[in-house]
Amino acid sequence: MEIKLAKCAGFCFGVKRAVDTVYEQAETGKTIYTYGPIVHNEEVVKDLNKKGVKVLEDKAALECLEGGSVIIRAHGVPEEIYRVLEKENLECIDATCPFVKKIHRIVENAGKEGEHVVIVGNPAHPEVEGIVGWCKGSVTVLETAEEAEKFVPPQGKKIRVVSQTTFNYNKFDYIVEIFQKKGYNVTVANTICNATEERQSSARELAREADVMIVIGGKHSSNTRKLYEICSEECADTYFIQTLDDLHLELPKAVRLVGITAGASTPNKLIEEVQNYVRINF
């Protein structure tokens, strides 16, 4: 039996940068907070907690601080959070992914130019909430083709479309196509990051040839859930696990290939643990 890891799996550039920043700051002896979990991976957050890093869940918690350093997570935050940090005289260490920062600039400028911003993504995701917080004018968040069909732009407004960086590329393309068929005056910025596209395409490619697929990542990770969705379309026996403890495999002898992929917030250590377990036990 062959065990194969997807060509692109695990930490992306933005996540690695953010996580490394927190670990570095944790060694300084300062009181360190992250605004929200630094990434959507509970194992990483637990490990940082052991090093004294505390998680602030909302603006109210931030306003109650009397000191310390606050790290902005990879997902980014609304503009008002920076104002609160400044008002409370707290040190801000910004670990927002540069690709997310780029979206903030796009929507901010679009609003100033009088355009209506459409964000394609999950409205409850912190990255999307952050992007909304940089919009200077009217904004709509939509996630499905059905919502795109029902969407009616404000009269006379140009539309600027952006995407959550971890959104499914094919779904984004389809939503844009709906807008174009309706004849809307649309400017599209495909802000799905390359790492997301590469992970999704390499996961799909591997799932097509695998008998079993294992997808590793945090249960709250948007990009990992999308990898699971993609792999499930191609491989009926697809498992979504957070850690090795979640893996309960019963592989028939006929299995030729077990494929493994992982979300952008999954550490290499977890990936290696799963690979070694499957290799030794099957």
Protein backbone atom coordinates (compact mmCIF):
# COMPACT_ATOMS: atom_id res chain seq x y z
CA MET A 1 0.00 0.00 0.00
CA GLU A 2 1.25 3.46 -0.93
CA ILE A 3 0.90 6.55 1.27
CA LYS A 4 1.04 9.80 -0.62
CA LEU A 5 1.05 13.39 0.66
CA ALA A 6 -0.52 16.08 -1.52
CA LYS A 7 2.01 18.32 -3.26
CA CYS A 8 0.75 21.33 -1.29
CA ALA A 9 -0.30 20.70 2.31
CA GLY A 10 0.12 22.29 5.73
CA PHE A 11 1.19 25.76 6.81
CA CYS A 12 0.92 28.46 4.17
CA PHE A 13 3.18 31.52 4.16
CA GLY A 14 0.74 33.79 6.03
CA VAL A 15 -0.03 31.26 8.77
CA LYS A 16 3.62 30.30 9.29
CA ARG A 17 4.53 33.99 9.56
CA ALA A 18 1.80 34.60 12.15
CA VAL A 19 2.55 31.51 14.23
CA ASP A 20 6.30 32.19 14.17
CA THR A 21 5.61 35.75 15.33
CA VAL A 22 3.68 34.53 18.38
CA TYR A 23 6.30 31.97 19.35
CA GLU A 24 9.03 34.63 19.05
CA GLN A 25 7.08 37.10 21.17
CA ALA A 26 6.31 34.41 23.77
CA GLU A 27 10.05 34.13 24.42
CA THR A 28 10.45 37.84 25.25
CA GLY A 29 8.92 37.60 28.72
CA LYS A 30 6.23 40.17 27.86
CA THR A 31 2.53 39.58 28.49
CA ILE A 32 1.27 38.41 25.11
CA TYR A 33 -2.29 38.28 23.81
CA THR A 34 -3.67 37.35 20.40
CA TYR A 35 -6.84 38.98 19.14
CA GLY A 36 -8.78 35.80 18.47
CA PRO A 37 -7.00 32.46 18.00
CA ILE A 38 -3.86 33.13 15.94
CA VAL A 39 -4.96 30.39 13.52
CA HIS A 40 -7.87 27.96 13.34
CA ASN A 41 -6.00 25.02 14.80
CA GLU A 42 -6.73 24.07 18.38
CA GLU A 43 -3.46 22.16 18.83
CA VAL A 44 -1.41 25.26 17.94
CA VAL A 45 -3.53 27.45 20.24
CA LYS A 46 -3.17 24.94 23.12
CA ASP A 47 0.61 24.85 22.72
CA LEU A 48 0.82 28.65 22.75
CA ASN A 49 -1.39 28.78 25.83
CA LYS A 50 1.16 26.60 27.65
CA LYS A 51 3.71 29.31 26.84
CA GLY A 52 1.52 31.95 28.46
CA VAL A 53 -0.16 33.37 25.35
CA LYS A 54 -3.75 34.41 26.07
CA VAL A 55 -6.57 34.74 23.54
CA LEU A 56 -8.84 37.81 23.49
CA GLU A 57 -12.21 36.83 22.07
CA ASP A 58 -13.70 40.25 21.30
CA LYS A 59 -13.39 44.04 21.45
CA ALA A 60 -14.80 44.18 24.98
CA ALA A 61 -11.98 41.94 26.24
CA LEU A 62 -9.48 44.17 24.46
CA GLU A 63 -10.88 47.31 26.08
CA CYS A 64 -10.47 45.74 29.55
CA LEU A 65 -6.72 45.22 29.22
CA GLU A 66 -4.42 47.29 31.40
CA GLY A 67 -1.24 46.47 29.50
CA GLY A 68 0.52 43.90 27.38
CA SER A 69 1.21 43.27 23.71
CA VAL A 70 -1.57 42.28 21.32
CA ILE A 71 -0.84 40.27 18.19
CA ILE A 72 -3.27 40.62 15.30
CA ARG A 73 -3.93 37.18 13.86
CA ALA A 74 -3.39 36.05 10.28
CA HIS A 75 -7.09 36.58 9.45
CA GLY A 76 -6.84 40.32 10.09
CA VAL A 77 -9.29 42.55 11.99
CA PRO A 78 -11.64 45.46 11.27
CA GLU A 79 -10.07 48.93 11.19
CA GLU A 80 -11.75 49.91 14.48
CA ILE A 81 -9.63 47.37 16.40
CA TYR A 82 -6.49 49.33 15.55
CA ARG A 83 -8.17 52.46 16.92
CA VAL A 84 -9.00 50.66 20.19
CA LEU A 85 -5.38 49.45 20.51
CA GLU A 86 -4.16 53.00 20.02
CA LYS A 87 -6.69 54.45 22.45
CA GLU A 88 -5.79 51.89 25.15
CA ASN A 89 -2.08 52.50 24.53
CA LEU A 90 -1.40 48.81 23.87
CA GLU A 91 1.50 47.52 21.79
CA CYS A 92 0.18 46.16 18.49
CA ILE A 93 2.12 43.46 16.66
CA ASP A 94 0.45 43.00 13.30
CA ALA A 95 0.66 39.44 11.91
CA THR A 96 -2.15 39.88 9.38
CA CYS A 97 -1.46 37.85 6.26
CA PRO A 98 -0.18 40.22 3.53
CA PHE A 99 -2.73 38.76 1.10
CA VAL A 100 -5.53 39.71 3.50
CA LYS A 101 -4.02 43.19 3.93
CA LYS A 102 -4.23 43.60 0.16
CA ILE A 103 -7.99 42.95 0.29
CA HIS A 104 -8.37 45.58 3.03
CA ARG A 105 -6.74 48.16 0.72
CA ILE A 106 -8.91 47.13 -2.25
CA VAL A 107 -12.24 47.46 -0.41
CA GLU A 108 -11.20 50.64 1.37
CA ASN A 109 -10.33 52.32 -1.95
CA ALA A 110 -13.44 50.93 -3.66
CA GLY A 111 -15.64 52.46 -0.96
CA LYS A 112 -13.90 55.82 -1.29
CA GLU A 113 -14.57 55.71 -5.03
CA GLY A 114 -18.28 55.13 -4.44
CA GLU A 115 -18.37 51.51 -5.50
CA HIS A 116 -20.52 48.81 -3.90
CA VAL A 117 -18.29 46.05 -2.48
CA VAL A 118 -19.30 42.40 -2.76
CA ILE A 119 -17.30 39.99 -0.60
CA VAL A 120 -17.62 36.36 -1.61
CA GLY A 121 -17.09 34.27 1.50
CA ASN A 122 -18.46 33.03 4.80
CA PRO A 123 -20.01 36.04 6.62
CA ALA A 124 -19.23 34.51 10.03
CA HIS A 125 -15.54 33.95 9.28
CA PRO A 126 -13.15 36.35 11.08
CA GLU A 127 -11.31 37.15 7.84
CA VAL A 128 -14.57 38.27 6.21
CA GLU A 129 -15.61 40.20 9.32
CA GLY A 130 -12.27 41.99 9.15
CA ILE A 131 -12.69 42.82 5.46
CA VAL A 132 -16.18 44.22 6.10
CA GLY A 133 -14.61 46.44 8.76
CA TRP A 134 -12.44 48.13 6.12
CA CYS A 135 -15.32 48.97 3.76
CA LYS A 136 -16.08 52.70 3.62
CA GLY A 137 -19.42 52.43 1.86
CA SER A 138 -22.12 49.89 1.01
CA VAL A 139 -21.15 46.23 1.18
CA THR A 140 -22.74 42.81 0.61
CA VAL A 141 -21.37 39.45 1.75
CA LEU A 142 -22.58 36.38 -0.11
CA GLU A 143 -21.47 32.77 -0.09
CA THR A 144 -23.59 30.81 -2.57
CA ALA A 145 -24.68 30.89 -6.18
CA GLU A 146 -28.30 31.18 -4.96
CA GLU A 147 -27.43 34.36 -3.07
CA ALA A 148 -25.64 35.69 -6.15
CA GLU A 149 -28.74 35.07 -8.29
CA LYS A 150 -30.91 37.03 -5.84
CA PHE A 151 -28.43 39.90 -5.43
CA VAL A 152 -29.51 43.25 -6.88
CA PRO A 153 -26.86 46.01 -6.84
CA PRO A 154 -27.72 49.53 -5.67
CA GLN A 155 -28.91 51.55 -8.63
CA GLY A 156 -26.14 53.25 -10.57
CA LYS A 157 -23.36 51.72 -8.49
CA LYS A 158 -20.29 50.00 -9.85
CA ILE A 159 -19.53 46.70 -8.14
CA ARG A 160 -16.13 45.66 -6.81
CA VAL A 161 -15.96 41.91 -6.13
CA VAL A 162 -13.36 40.35 -3.82
CA SER A 163 -13.10 36.94 -2.19
CA GLN A 164 -12.18 35.44 1.13
CA THR A 165 -8.64 34.14 0.57
CA THR A 166 -9.63 30.53 1.35
CA PHE A 167 -12.81 30.36 -0.73
CA ASN A 168 -13.38 27.55 -3.24
CA TYR A 169 -11.94 28.80 -6.52
CA ASN A 170 -14.53 27.11 -8.79
CA LYS A 171 -17.44 28.46 -6.73
CA PHE A 172 -16.01 31.98 -6.82
CA ASP A 173 -15.61 31.74 -10.60
CA TYR A 174 -19.22 30.62 -10.97
CA ILE A 175 -20.55 33.48 -8.80
CA VAL A 176 -18.59 36.01 -10.88
CA GLU A 177 -20.03 34.42 -14.02
CA ILE A 178 -23.57 34.96 -12.66
CA PHE A 179 -22.87 38.69 -12.17
CA GLN A 180 -21.41 39.00 -15.66
CA LYS A 181 -24.39 37.25 -17.28
CA LYS A 182 -26.70 39.69 -15.51
CA GLY A 183 -24.76 42.51 -17.14
CA TYR A 184 -23.66 44.18 -13.93
CA ASN A 185 -20.87 46.77 -14.05
CA VAL A 186 -18.35 44.58 -12.23
CA THR A 187 -14.65 44.85 -11.46
CA VAL A 188 -13.35 41.55 -10.13
CA ALA A 189 -10.32 41.09 -7.88
CA ASN A 190 -9.66 37.38 -7.51
CA THR A 191 -8.19 37.52 -4.01
CA ILE A 192 -8.14 33.77 -3.39
CA CYS A 193 -4.49 33.29 -2.48
CA ASN A 194 -2.24 31.06 -4.56
CA ALA A 195 -1.64 28.75 -1.60
CA THR A 196 -5.39 28.06 -1.42
CA GLU A 197 -5.68 27.36 -5.14
CA GLU A 198 -2.62 25.10 -5.04
CA ARG A 199 -3.91 23.16 -2.03
CA GLN A 200 -7.33 22.69 -3.54
CA SER A 201 -6.05 21.55 -6.94
CA SER A 202 -3.40 19.21 -5.51
CA ALA A 203 -5.96 17.72 -3.06
CA ARG A 204 -8.41 17.10 -5.89
CA GLU A 205 -5.71 15.55 -8.06
CA LEU A 206 -4.64 13.16 -5.28
CA ALA A 207 -8.22 12.29 -4.23
CA ARG A 208 -9.01 11.20 -7.80
CA GLU A 209 -6.42 8.42 -7.62
CA ALA A 210 -6.66 7.54 -3.90
CA ASP A 211 -8.78 4.78 -2.39
CA VAL A 212 -8.82 6.61 0.95
CA MET A 213 -8.19 10.30 1.72
CA ILE A 214 -7.27 11.78 5.08
CA VAL A 215 -7.74 15.54 5.53
CA ILE A 216 -6.02 17.03 8.59
CA GLY A 217 -6.92 20.39 10.10
CA GLY A 218 -8.81 22.36 12.72
CA LYS A 219 -12.55 21.80 12.89
CA HIS A 220 -13.09 25.57 12.63
CA SER A 221 -10.70 25.98 9.69
CA SER A 222 -12.50 27.24 6.59
CA ASN A 223 -9.81 26.14 4.15
CA THR A 224 -9.62 22.63 5.69
CA ARG A 225 -13.39 22.17 5.43
CA LYS A 226 -13.17 23.11 1.75
CA LEU A 227 -10.37 20.58 1.22
CA TYR A 228 -12.60 17.94 2.81
CA GLU A 229 -15.49 18.95 0.56
CA ILE A 230 -13.29 18.73 -2.55
CA CYS A 231 -11.76 15.38 -1.56
CA SER A 232 -15.19 13.92 -0.72
CA GLU A 233 -16.37 14.72 -4.25
CA GLU A 234 -13.55 12.63 -5.69
CA CYS A 235 -13.05 9.92 -3.05
CA ALA A 236 -15.95 8.31 -1.16
CA ASP A 237 -13.74 7.24 1.77
CA THR A 238 -12.54 10.64 2.97
CA TYR A 239 -11.77 11.30 6.65
CA PHE A 240 -11.60 14.76 8.29
CA ILE A 241 -9.45 14.65 11.43
CA GLN A 242 -8.01 17.26 13.75
CA THR A 243 -5.35 15.09 15.41
CA LEU A 244 -4.17 11.50 15.24
CA ASP A 245 -6.60 10.63 18.08
CA ASP A 246 -9.50 11.26 15.68
CA LEU A 247 -8.25 8.73 13.12
CA HIS A 248 -10.10 5.41 13.26
CA LEU A 249 -9.14 3.63 10.07
CA GLU A 250 -10.20 0.18 9.01
CA LEU A 251 -8.55 -0.40 5.67
CA PRO A 252 -9.42 -3.41 3.52
CA LYS A 253 -6.54 -5.25 1.85
CA ALA A 254 -7.71 -3.96 -1.53
CA VAL A 255 -6.62 -0.40 -0.67
CA ARG A 256 -3.72 0.58 -2.93
CA LEU A 257 -3.28 4.25 -2.12
CA VAL A 258 -3.97 6.37 0.96
CA GLY A 259 -3.79 10.09 0.23
CA ILE A 260 -3.12 12.72 2.87
CA THR A 261 -3.64 16.47 2.73
CA ALA A 262 -3.82 19.20 5.36
CA GLY A 263 -5.20 22.70 5.79
CA ALA A 264 -3.09 25.84 5.81
CA SER A 265 -3.09 26.02 9.62
CA THR A 266 -1.92 22.43 10.20
CA PRO A 267 1.63 22.05 11.59
CA ASN A 268 4.05 19.64 9.87
CA LYS A 269 4.35 17.70 13.13
CA LEU A 270 0.70 16.60 12.93
CA ILE A 271 1.03 15.64 9.27
CA GLU A 272 4.12 13.53 10.00
CA GLU A 273 2.37 11.82 12.94
CA VAL A 274 -0.51 10.73 10.69
CA GLN A 275 1.82 9.58 7.90
CA ASN A 276 3.91 7.50 10.30
CA TYR A 277 0.85 5.99 11.97
CA VAL A 278 -0.65 4.82 8.67
CA ARG A 279 2.74 3.56 7.46
CA ILE A 280 3.39 1.52 10.63
CA ASN A 281 -0.11 0.18 11.24
CA PHE A 282 -1.22 -0.67 7.74
